[in-house]
Amino acid sequence: MAKDLASQIRARLLELEPLELQIEDQSAAHVGHAGALAGAHFRVRMVCAAFDGLSRLERHRLIYQRLAPLMGGRIHALAMSLYAPGEVTAPMR
């Protein structure tokens, strides 16, 4: 299920045409946590021109808008590192 969900997250975020996109399913690290029953845990790191000129809050809102149909049950937690081009110099792992 989480693999399918990660694919759905990727598809929705690729619509923003990111230069770099990393999606990590961290659900296994939360087994036993009460929220783990409510949905999956993911970490997203993304470099995208759409973030240029946006505040951190505006960037997060943009991602939440894209993922809204998957939130509230399917995704319990979402950690995000969102950068405009030129803000990050280290390559993604």
PDB file of N, CA and C in Angstrom:
ATOM      1  N   MET A   1       0.814  -1.196   0.000  1.00  0.00           N
ATOM      2  CA  MET A   1       0.000   0.000   0.000  1.00  0.00           C
ATOM      3  C   MET A   1       0.858   1.261   0.000  1.00  0.00           C
ATOM      4  N   ALA A   2       1.895   1.324   0.874  1.00  0.00           N
ATOM      5  CA  ALA A   2       2.724   2.523   0.957  1.00  0.00           C
ATOM      6  C   ALA A   2       3.478   2.766  -0.341  1.00  0.00           C
ATOM      7  N   LYS A   3       3.873   1.684  -1.038  1.00  0.00           N
ATOM      8  CA  LYS A   3       4.572   1.855  -2.308  1.00  0.00           C
ATOM      9  C   LYS A   3       3.651   2.505  -3.335  1.00  0.00           C
ATOM     10  N   ASP A   4       2.407   2.041  -3.393  1.00  0.00           N
ATOM     11  CA  ASP A   4       1.415   2.638  -4.282  1.00  0.00           C
ATOM     12  C   ASP A   4       1.170   4.093  -3.905  1.00  0.00           C
ATOM     13  N   LEU A   5       1.103   4.364  -2.616  1.00  0.00           N
ATOM     14  CA  LEU A   5       0.881   5.725  -2.143  1.00  0.00           C
ATOM     15  C   LEU A   5       2.062   6.617  -2.514  1.00  0.00           C
ATOM     16  N   ALA A   6       3.274   6.114  -2.373  1.00  0.00           N
ATOM     17  CA  ALA A   6       4.464   6.879  -2.767  1.00  0.00           C
ATOM     18  C   ALA A   6       4.413   7.211  -4.256  1.00  0.00           C
ATOM     19  N   SER A   7       3.941   6.274  -5.061  1.00  0.00           N
ATOM     20  CA  SER A   7       3.807   6.519  -6.504  1.00  0.00           C
ATOM     21  C   SER A   7       2.775   7.604  -6.775  1.00  0.00           C
ATOM     22  N   GLN A   8       1.710   7.609  -6.015  1.00  0.00           N
ATOM     23  CA  GLN A   8       0.679   8.644  -6.175  1.00  0.00           C
ATOM     24  C   GLN A   8       1.208  10.013  -5.756  1.00  0.00           C
ATOM     25  N   ILE A   9       1.977  10.044  -4.676  1.00  0.00           N
ATOM     26  CA  ILE A   9       2.601  11.297  -4.234  1.00  0.00           C
ATOM     27  C   ILE A   9       3.532  11.802  -5.327  1.00  0.00           C
ATOM     28  N   ARG A  10       4.375  10.910  -5.840  1.00  0.00           N
ATOM     29  CA  ARG A  10       5.322  11.283  -6.898  1.00  0.00           C
ATOM     30  C   ARG A  10       4.582  11.854  -8.117  1.00  0.00           C
ATOM     31  N   ALA A  11       3.546  11.196  -8.548  1.00  0.00           N
ATOM     32  CA  ALA A  11       2.799  11.653  -9.728  1.00  0.00           C
ATOM     33  C   ALA A  11       2.235  13.058  -9.514  1.00  0.00           C
ATOM     34  N   ARG A  12       1.692  13.308  -8.349  1.00  0.00           N
ATOM     35  CA  ARG A  12       1.104  14.627  -8.071  1.00  0.00           C
ATOM     36  C   ARG A  12       2.183  15.717  -7.999  1.00  0.00           C
ATOM     37  N   LEU A  13       3.342  15.386  -7.441  1.00  0.00           N
ATOM     38  CA  LEU A  13       4.397  16.382  -7.306  1.00  0.00           C
ATOM     39  C   LEU A  13       5.152  16.596  -8.614  1.00  0.00           C
ATOM     40  N   LEU A  14       5.219  15.590  -9.462  1.00  0.00           N
ATOM     41  CA  LEU A  14       5.880  15.753 -10.758  1.00  0.00           C
ATOM     42  C   LEU A  14       5.153  16.755 -11.638  1.00  0.00           C
ATOM     43  N   GLU A  15       3.887  17.006 -11.360  1.00  0.00           N
ATOM     44  CA  GLU A  15       3.132  18.024 -12.104  1.00  0.00           C
ATOM     45  C   GLU A  15       3.738  19.414 -11.925  1.00  0.00           C
ATOM     46  N   LEU A  16       4.493  19.610 -10.838  1.00  0.00           N
ATOM     47  CA  LEU A  16       5.161  20.891 -10.583  1.00  0.00           C
ATOM     48  C   LEU A  16       6.503  20.985 -11.312  1.00  0.00           C
ATOM     49  N   GLU A  17       6.887  19.920 -12.009  1.00  0.00           N
ATOM     50  CA  GLU A  17       8.132  19.854 -12.771  1.00  0.00           C
ATOM     51  C   GLU A  17       9.365  20.138 -11.915  1.00  0.00           C
ATOM     52  N   PRO A  18       9.548  19.368 -10.846  1.00  0.00           N
ATOM     53  CA  PRO A  18      10.714  19.589  -9.983  1.00  0.00           C
ATOM     54  C   PRO A  18      12.015  19.246 -10.696  1.00  0.00           C
ATOM     55  N   LEU A  19      13.069  19.935 -10.291  1.00  0.00           N
ATOM     56  CA  LEU A  19      14.408  19.609 -10.780  1.00  0.00           C
ATOM     57  C   LEU A  19      14.926  18.367 -10.053  1.00  0.00           C
ATOM     58  N   GLU A  20      14.539  18.223  -8.804  1.00  0.00           N
ATOM     59  CA  GLU A  20      14.915  17.069  -7.995  1.00  0.00           C
ATOM     60  C   GLU A  20      13.736  16.718  -7.100  1.00  0.00           C
ATOM     61  N   LEU A  21      13.527  15.425  -6.909  1.00  0.00           N
ATOM     62  CA  LEU A  21      12.440  14.967  -6.052  1.00  0.00           C
ATOM     63  C   LEU A  21      12.844  13.665  -5.377  1.00  0.00           C
ATOM     64  N   GLN A  22      12.753  13.652  -4.060  1.00  0.00           N
ATOM     65  CA  GLN A  22      13.037  12.458  -3.281  1.00  0.00           C
ATOM     66  C   GLN A  22      11.864  12.220  -2.338  1.00  0.00           C
ATOM     67  N   ILE A  23      11.336  11.018  -2.355  1.00  0.00           N
ATOM     68  CA  ILE A  23      10.233  10.647  -1.479  1.00  0.00           C
ATOM     69  C   ILE A  23      10.664   9.426  -0.694  1.00  0.00           C
ATOM     70  N   GLU A  24      10.618   9.531   0.615  1.00  0.00           N
ATOM     71  CA  GLU A  24      11.048   8.441   1.489  1.00  0.00           C
ATOM     72  C   GLU A  24       9.883   8.007   2.373  1.00  0.00           C
ATOM     73  N   ASP A  25       9.543   6.745   2.303  1.00  0.00           N
ATOM     74  CA  ASP A  25       8.506   6.176   3.174  1.00  0.00           C
ATOM     75  C   ASP A  25       9.158   5.861   4.513  1.00  0.00           C
ATOM     76  N   GLN A  26       8.738   6.547   5.562  1.00  0.00           N
ATOM     77  CA  GLN A  26       9.297   6.356   6.898  1.00  0.00           C
ATOM     78  C   GLN A  26       8.329   5.633   7.824  1.00  0.00           C
ATOM     79  N   SER A  27       7.316   5.016   7.255  1.00  0.00           N
ATOM     80  CA  SER A  27       6.273   4.362   8.040  1.00  0.00           C
ATOM     81  C   SER A  27       6.817   3.280   8.965  1.00  0.00           C
ATOM     82  N   ALA A  28       7.797   2.518   8.512  1.00  0.00           N
ATOM     83  CA  ALA A  28       8.338   1.424   9.311  1.00  0.00           C
ATOM     84  C   ALA A  28       8.948   1.921  10.624  1.00  0.00           C
ATOM     85  N   ALA A  29       9.462   3.134  10.620  1.00  0.00           N
ATOM     86  CA  ALA A  29      10.061   3.700  11.827  1.00  0.00           C
ATOM     87  C   ALA A  29       9.017   4.113  12.860  1.00  0.00           C
ATOM     88  N   HIS A  30       7.749   4.092  12.479  1.00  0.00           N
ATOM     89  CA  HIS A  30       6.680   4.554  13.362  1.00  0.00           C
ATOM     90  C   HIS A  30       5.731   3.434  13.783  1.00  0.00           C
ATOM     91  N   VAL A  31       6.116   2.196  13.521  1.00  0.00           N
ATOM     92  CA  VAL A  31       5.286   1.057  13.924  1.00  0.00           C
ATOM     93  C   VAL A  31       5.124   1.101  15.444  1.00  0.00           C
ATOM     94  N   GLY A  32       3.904   0.931  15.891  1.00  0.00           N
ATOM     95  CA  GLY A  32       3.628   0.987  17.327  1.00  0.00           C
ATOM     96  C   GLY A  32       3.162   2.356  17.793  1.00  0.00           C
ATOM     97  N   HIS A  33       3.444   3.367  17.018  1.00  0.00           N
ATOM     98  CA  HIS A  33       3.003   4.732  17.315  1.00  0.00           C
ATOM     99  C   HIS A  33       1.514   4.818  16.991  1.00  0.00           C
ATOM    100  N   ALA A  34       0.748   5.449  17.827  1.00  0.00           N
ATOM    101  CA  ALA A  34      -0.705   5.505  17.647  1.00  0.00           C
ATOM    102  C   ALA A  34      -1.095   6.051  16.280  1.00  0.00           C
ATOM    103  N   GLY A  35      -0.381   7.051  15.795  1.00  0.00           N
ATOM    104  CA  GLY A  35      -0.696   7.648  14.507  1.00  0.00           C
ATOM    105  C   GLY A  35      -0.379   6.747  13.333  1.00  0.00           C
ATOM    106  N   ALA A  36       0.440   5.731  13.559  1.00  0.00           N
ATOM    107  CA  ALA A  36       0.804   4.826  12.463  1.00  0.00           C
ATOM    108  C   ALA A  36      -0.415   4.086  11.934  1.00  0.00           C
ATOM    109  N   LEU A  37      -1.419   3.912  12.770  1.00  0.00           N
ATOM    110  CA  LEU A  37      -2.639   3.251  12.324  1.00  0.00           C
ATOM    111  C   LEU A  37      -3.495   4.166  11.458  1.00  0.00           C
ATOM    112  N   ALA A  38      -3.243   5.468  11.557  1.00  0.00           N
ATOM    113  CA  ALA A  38      -4.061   6.450  10.833  1.00  0.00           C
ATOM    114  C   ALA A  38      -3.555   6.711   9.416  1.00  0.00           C
ATOM    115  N   GLY A  39      -2.373   6.231   9.075  1.00  0.00           N
ATOM    116  CA  GLY A  39      -1.832   6.460   7.745  1.00  0.00           C
ATOM    117  C   GLY A  39      -0.328   6.381   7.725  1.00  0.00           C
ATOM    118  N   ALA A  40       0.234   6.581   6.557  1.00  0.00           N
ATOM    119  CA  ALA A  40       1.671   6.435   6.347  1.00  0.00           C
ATOM    120  C   ALA A  40       2.428   7.715   6.699  1.00  0.00           C
ATOM    121  N   HIS A  41       3.724   7.546   6.921  1.00  0.00           N
ATOM    122  CA  HIS A  41       4.631   8.656   7.217  1.00  0.00           C
ATOM    123  C   HIS A  41       5.605   8.796   6.048  1.00  0.00           C
ATOM    124  N   PHE A  42       5.740  10.013   5.519  1.00  0.00           N
ATOM    125  CA  PHE A  42       6.644  10.252   4.397  1.00  0.00           C
ATOM    126  C   PHE A  42       7.509  11.473   4.640  1.00  0.00           C
ATOM    127  N   ARG A  43       8.681  11.468   3.999  1.00  0.00           N
ATOM    128  CA  ARG A  43       9.560  12.631   3.946  1.00  0.00           C
ATOM    129  C   ARG A  43       9.749  12.968   2.473  1.00  0.00           C
ATOM    130  N   VAL A  44       9.591  14.254   2.138  1.00  0.00           N
ATOM    131  CA  VAL A  44       9.753  14.733   0.767  1.00  0.00           C
ATOM    132  C   VAL A  44      10.837  15.800   0.759  1.00  0.00           C
ATOM    133  N   ARG A  45      11.764  15.651  -0.166  1.00  0.00           N
ATOM    134  CA  ARG A  45      12.756  16.695  -0.424  1.00  0.00           C
ATOM    135  C   ARG A  45      12.626  17.042  -1.898  1.00  0.00           C
ATOM    136  N   MET A  46      12.478  18.339  -2.172  1.00  0.00           N
ATOM    137  CA  MET A  46      12.173  18.748  -3.539  1.00  0.00           C
ATOM    138  C   MET A  46      12.827  20.083  -3.860  1.00  0.00           C
ATOM    139  N   VAL A  47      13.399  20.175  -5.058  1.00  0.00           N
ATOM    140  CA  VAL A  47      13.931  21.422  -5.601  1.00  0.00           C
ATOM    141  C   VAL A  47      13.078  21.739  -6.818  1.00  0.00           C
ATOM    142  N   CYS A  48      12.485  22.941  -6.803  1.00  0.00           N
ATOM    143  CA  CYS A  48      11.507  23.239  -7.847  1.00  0.00           C
ATOM    144  C   CYS A  48      11.439  24.750  -8.105  1.00  0.00           C
ATOM    145  N   ALA A  49      11.399  25.122  -9.368  1.00  0.00           N
ATOM    146  CA  ALA A  49      11.287  26.539  -9.727  1.00  0.00           C
ATOM    147  C   ALA A  49       9.974  27.154  -9.236  1.00  0.00           C
ATOM    148  N   ALA A  50       8.967  26.337  -9.039  1.00  0.00           N
ATOM    149  CA  ALA A  50       7.681  26.844  -8.543  1.00  0.00           C
ATOM    150  C   ALA A  50       7.801  27.439  -7.141  1.00  0.00           C
ATOM    151  N   PHE A  51       8.872  27.101  -6.424  1.00  0.00           N
ATOM    152  CA  PHE A  51       9.075  27.626  -5.062  1.00  0.00           C
ATOM    153  C   PHE A  51       9.777  28.979  -5.063  1.00  0.00           C
ATOM    154  N   ASP A  52      10.295  29.404  -6.194  1.00  0.00           N
ATOM    155  CA  ASP A  52      11.024  30.666  -6.273  1.00  0.00           C
ATOM    156  C   ASP A  52      10.124  31.820  -5.838  1.00  0.00           C
ATOM    157  N   GLY A  53      10.587  32.581  -4.878  1.00  0.00           N
ATOM    158  CA  GLY A  53       9.838  33.739  -4.386  1.00  0.00           C
ATOM    159  C   GLY A  53       8.769  33.415  -3.360  1.00  0.00           C
ATOM    160  N   LEU A  54       8.566  32.130  -3.047  1.00  0.00           N
ATOM    161  CA  LEU A  54       7.564  31.738  -2.053  1.00  0.00           C
ATOM    162  C   LEU A  54       8.205  31.579  -0.682  1.00  0.00           C
ATOM    163  N   SER A  55       7.470  31.927   0.351  1.00  0.00           N
ATOM    164  CA  SER A  55       7.942  31.700   1.718  1.00  0.00           C
ATOM    165  C   SER A  55       7.874  30.200   2.024  1.00  0.00           C
ATOM    166  N   ARG A  56       8.468  29.820   3.115  1.00  0.00           N
ATOM    167  CA  ARG A  56       8.422  28.411   3.536  1.00  0.00           C
ATOM    168  C   ARG A  56       6.973  27.951   3.704  1.00  0.00           C
ATOM    169  N   LEU A  57       6.147  28.769   4.330  1.00  0.00           N
ATOM    170  CA  LEU A  57       4.743  28.437   4.539  1.00  0.00           C
ATOM    171  C   LEU A  57       4.000  28.296   3.207  1.00  0.00           C
ATOM    172  N   GLU A  58       4.251  29.195   2.271  1.00  0.00           N
ATOM    173  CA  GLU A  58       3.599  29.116   0.965  1.00  0.00           C
ATOM    174  C   GLU A  58       4.004  27.849   0.206  1.00  0.00           C
ATOM    175  N   ARG A  59       5.257  27.445   0.347  1.00  0.00           N
ATOM    176  CA  ARG A  59       5.734  26.217  -0.288  1.00  0.00           C
ATOM    177  C   ARG A  59       5.008  25.000   0.289  1.00  0.00           C
ATOM    178  N   HIS A  60       4.898  24.971   1.602  1.00  0.00           N
ATOM    179  CA  HIS A  60       4.204  23.859   2.255  1.00  0.00           C
ATOM    180  C   HIS A  60       2.738  23.820   1.840  1.00  0.00           C
ATOM    181  N   ARG A  61       2.111  24.974   1.780  1.00  0.00           N
ATOM    182  CA  ARG A  61       0.704  25.026   1.352  1.00  0.00           C
ATOM    183  C   ARG A  61       0.536  24.494  -0.070  1.00  0.00           C
ATOM    184  N   LEU A  62       1.468  24.836  -0.941  1.00  0.00           N
ATOM    185  CA  LEU A  62       1.413  24.354  -2.323  1.00  0.00           C
ATOM    186  C   LEU A  62       1.463  22.827  -2.368  1.00  0.00           C
ATOM    187  N   ILE A  63       2.341  22.242  -1.573  1.00  0.00           N
ATOM    188  CA  ILE A  63       2.449  20.772  -1.543  1.00  0.00           C
ATOM    189  C   ILE A  63       1.189  20.161  -0.933  1.00  0.00           C
ATOM    190  N   TYR A  64       0.705  20.731   0.155  1.00  0.00           N
ATOM    191  CA  TYR A  64      -0.523  20.206   0.769  1.00  0.00           C
ATOM    192  C   TYR A  64      -1.710  20.295  -0.189  1.00  0.00           C
ATOM    193  N   GLN A  65      -1.782  21.348  -0.984  1.00  0.00           N
ATOM    194  CA  GLN A  65      -2.857  21.460  -1.981  1.00  0.00           C
ATOM    195  C   GLN A  65      -2.762  20.326  -2.993  1.00  0.00           C
ATOM    196  N   ARG A  66      -1.556  20.032  -3.445  1.00  0.00           N
ATOM    197  CA  ARG A  66      -1.353  18.959  -4.424  1.00  0.00           C
ATOM    198  C   ARG A  66      -1.703  17.594  -3.848  1.00  0.00           C
ATOM    199  N   LEU A  67      -1.438  17.412  -2.559  1.00  0.00           N
ATOM    200  CA  LEU A  67      -1.622  16.103  -1.933  1.00  0.00           C
ATOM    201  C   LEU A  67      -2.919  15.987  -1.139  1.00  0.00           C
ATOM    202  N   ALA A  68      -3.753  17.004  -1.179  1.00  0.00           N
ATOM    203  CA  ALA A  68      -4.984  17.029  -0.377  1.00  0.00           C
ATOM    204  C   ALA A  68      -5.819  15.752  -0.482  1.00  0.00           C
ATOM    205  N   PRO A  69      -6.023  15.182  -1.674  1.00  0.00           N
ATOM    206  CA  PRO A  69      -6.838  13.965  -1.751  1.00  0.00           C
ATOM    207  C   PRO A  69      -6.215  12.759  -1.034  1.00  0.00           C
ATOM    208  N   LEU A  70      -4.918  12.827  -0.768  1.00  0.00           N
ATOM    209  CA  LEU A  70      -4.231  11.708  -0.116  1.00  0.00           C
ATOM    210  C   LEU A  70      -4.087  11.900   1.397  1.00  0.00           C
ATOM    211  N   MET A  71      -4.353  13.109   1.856  1.00  0.00           N
ATOM    212  CA  MET A  71      -4.203  13.415   3.285  1.00  0.00           C
ATOM    213  C   MET A  71      -5.442  12.939   4.040  1.00  0.00           C
ATOM    214  N   GLY A  72      -5.383  13.026   5.343  1.00  0.00           N
ATOM    215  CA  GLY A  72      -6.541  12.684   6.161  1.00  0.00           C
ATOM    216  C   GLY A  72      -6.903  11.217   6.105  1.00  0.00           C
ATOM    217  N   GLY A  73      -5.973  10.391   6.400  1.00  0.00           N
ATOM    218  CA  GLY A  73      -6.240   8.960   6.427  1.00  0.00           C
ATOM    219  C   GLY A  73      -5.176   8.154   5.727  1.00  0.00           C
ATOM    220  N   ARG A  74      -4.812   8.563   4.518  1.00  0.00           N
ATOM    221  CA  ARG A  74      -3.792   7.804   3.795  1.00  0.00           C
ATOM    222  C   ARG A  74      -2.395   8.265   4.193  1.00  0.00           C
ATOM    223  N   ILE A  75      -2.208   9.571   4.334  1.00  0.00           N
ATOM    224  CA  ILE A  75      -0.936  10.119   4.807  1.00  0.00           C
ATOM    225  C   ILE A  75      -1.188  10.702   6.189  1.00  0.00           C
ATOM    226  N   HIS A  76      -0.489  10.179   7.178  1.00  0.00           N
ATOM    227  CA  HIS A  76      -0.628  10.679   8.546  1.00  0.00           C
ATOM    228  C   HIS A  76       0.372  11.800   8.817  1.00  0.00           C
ATOM    229  N   ALA A  77       1.598  11.631   8.330  1.00  0.00           N
ATOM    230  CA  ALA A  77       2.646  12.613   8.596  1.00  0.00           C
ATOM    231  C   ALA A  77       3.442  12.859   7.323  1.00  0.00           C
ATOM    232  N   LEU A  78       3.825  14.125   7.118  1.00  0.00           N
ATOM    233  CA  LEU A  78       4.576  14.506   5.933  1.00  0.00           C
ATOM    234  C   LEU A  78       5.626  15.537   6.331  1.00  0.00           C
ATOM    235  N   ALA A  79       6.892  15.133   6.310  1.00  0.00           N
ATOM    236  CA  ALA A  79       8.004  16.048   6.571  1.00  0.00           C
ATOM    237  C   ALA A  79       8.497  16.552   5.216  1.00  0.00           C
ATOM    238  N   MET A  80       8.745  17.853   5.115  1.00  0.00           N
ATOM    239  CA  MET A  80       9.116  18.429   3.827  1.00  0.00           C
ATOM    240  C   MET A  80      10.334  19.333   3.929  1.00  0.00           C
ATOM    241  N   SER A  81      11.228  19.183   2.960  1.00  0.00           N
ATOM    242  CA  SER A  81      12.351  20.095   2.740  1.00  0.00           C
ATOM    243  C   SER A  81      12.187  20.581   1.305  1.00  0.00           C
ATOM    244  N   LEU A  82      11.824  21.852   1.152  1.00  0.00           N
ATOM    245  CA  LEU A  82      11.441  22.388  -0.147  1.00  0.00           C
ATOM    246  C   LEU A  82      12.340  23.568  -0.507  1.00  0.00           C
ATOM    247  N   TYR A  83      12.972  23.495  -1.674  1.00  0.00           N
ATOM    248  CA  TYR A  83      13.951  24.498  -2.082  1.00  0.00           C
ATOM    249  C   TYR A  83      13.670  25.006  -3.486  1.00  0.00           C
ATOM    250  N   ALA A  84      13.955  26.290  -3.690  1.00  0.00           N
ATOM    251  CA  ALA A  84      13.975  26.844  -5.038  1.00  0.00           C
ATOM    252  C   ALA A  84      15.365  26.575  -5.618  1.00  0.00           C
ATOM    253  N   PRO A  85      15.498  26.558  -6.934  1.00  0.00           N
ATOM    254  CA  PRO A  85      16.822  26.354  -7.532  1.00  0.00           C
ATOM    255  C   PRO A  85      17.813  27.412  -7.000  1.00  0.00           C
ATOM    256  N   GLY A  86      19.010  26.980  -6.720  1.00  0.00           N
ATOM    257  CA  GLY A  86      20.024  27.881  -6.202  1.00  0.00           C
ATOM    258  C   GLY A  86      20.067  27.971  -4.696  1.00  0.00           C
ATOM    259  N   GLU A  87      19.062  27.446  -3.996  1.00  0.00           N
ATOM    260  CA  GLU A  87      19.051  27.502  -2.532  1.00  0.00           C
ATOM    261  C   GLU A  87      19.784  26.327  -1.901  1.00  0.00           C
ATOM    262  N   VAL A  88      19.992  25.283  -2.664  1.00  0.00           N
ATOM    263  CA  VAL A  88      20.643  24.086  -2.134  1.00  0.00           C
ATOM    264  C   VAL A  88      21.765  23.709  -3.088  1.00  0.00           C
ATOM    265  N   THR A  89      22.926  23.422  -2.532  1.00  0.00           N
ATOM    266  CA  THR A  89      24.070  23.095  -3.384  1.00  0.00           C
ATOM    267  C   THR A  89      24.442  21.615  -3.314  1.00  0.00           C
ATOM    268  N   ALA A  90      24.098  20.972  -2.206  1.00  0.00           N
ATOM    269  CA  ALA A  90      24.437  19.548  -2.064  1.00  0.00           C
ATOM    270  C   ALA A  90      23.454  18.699  -2.854  1.00  0.00           C
ATOM    271  N   PRO A  91      23.949  17.706  -3.596  1.00  0.00           N
ATOM    272  CA  PRO A  91      23.032  16.837  -4.324  1.00  0.00           C
ATOM    273  C   PRO A  91      22.212  15.987  -3.361  1.00  0.00           C
ATOM    274  N   MET A  92      21.064  15.576  -3.811  1.00  0.00           N
ATOM    275  CA  MET A  92      20.208  14.728  -2.991  1.00  0.00           C
ATOM    276  C   MET A  92      20.792  13.331  -2.948  1.00  0.00           C
ATOM    277  N   ARG A  93      20.543  12.639  -1.838  1.00  0.00           N
ATOM    278  CA  ARG A  93      21.014  11.245  -1.692  1.00  0.00           C
ATOM    279  C   ARG A  93      20.025  10.304  -2.292  1.00  0.00           C
TER     280      ARG A  93
END
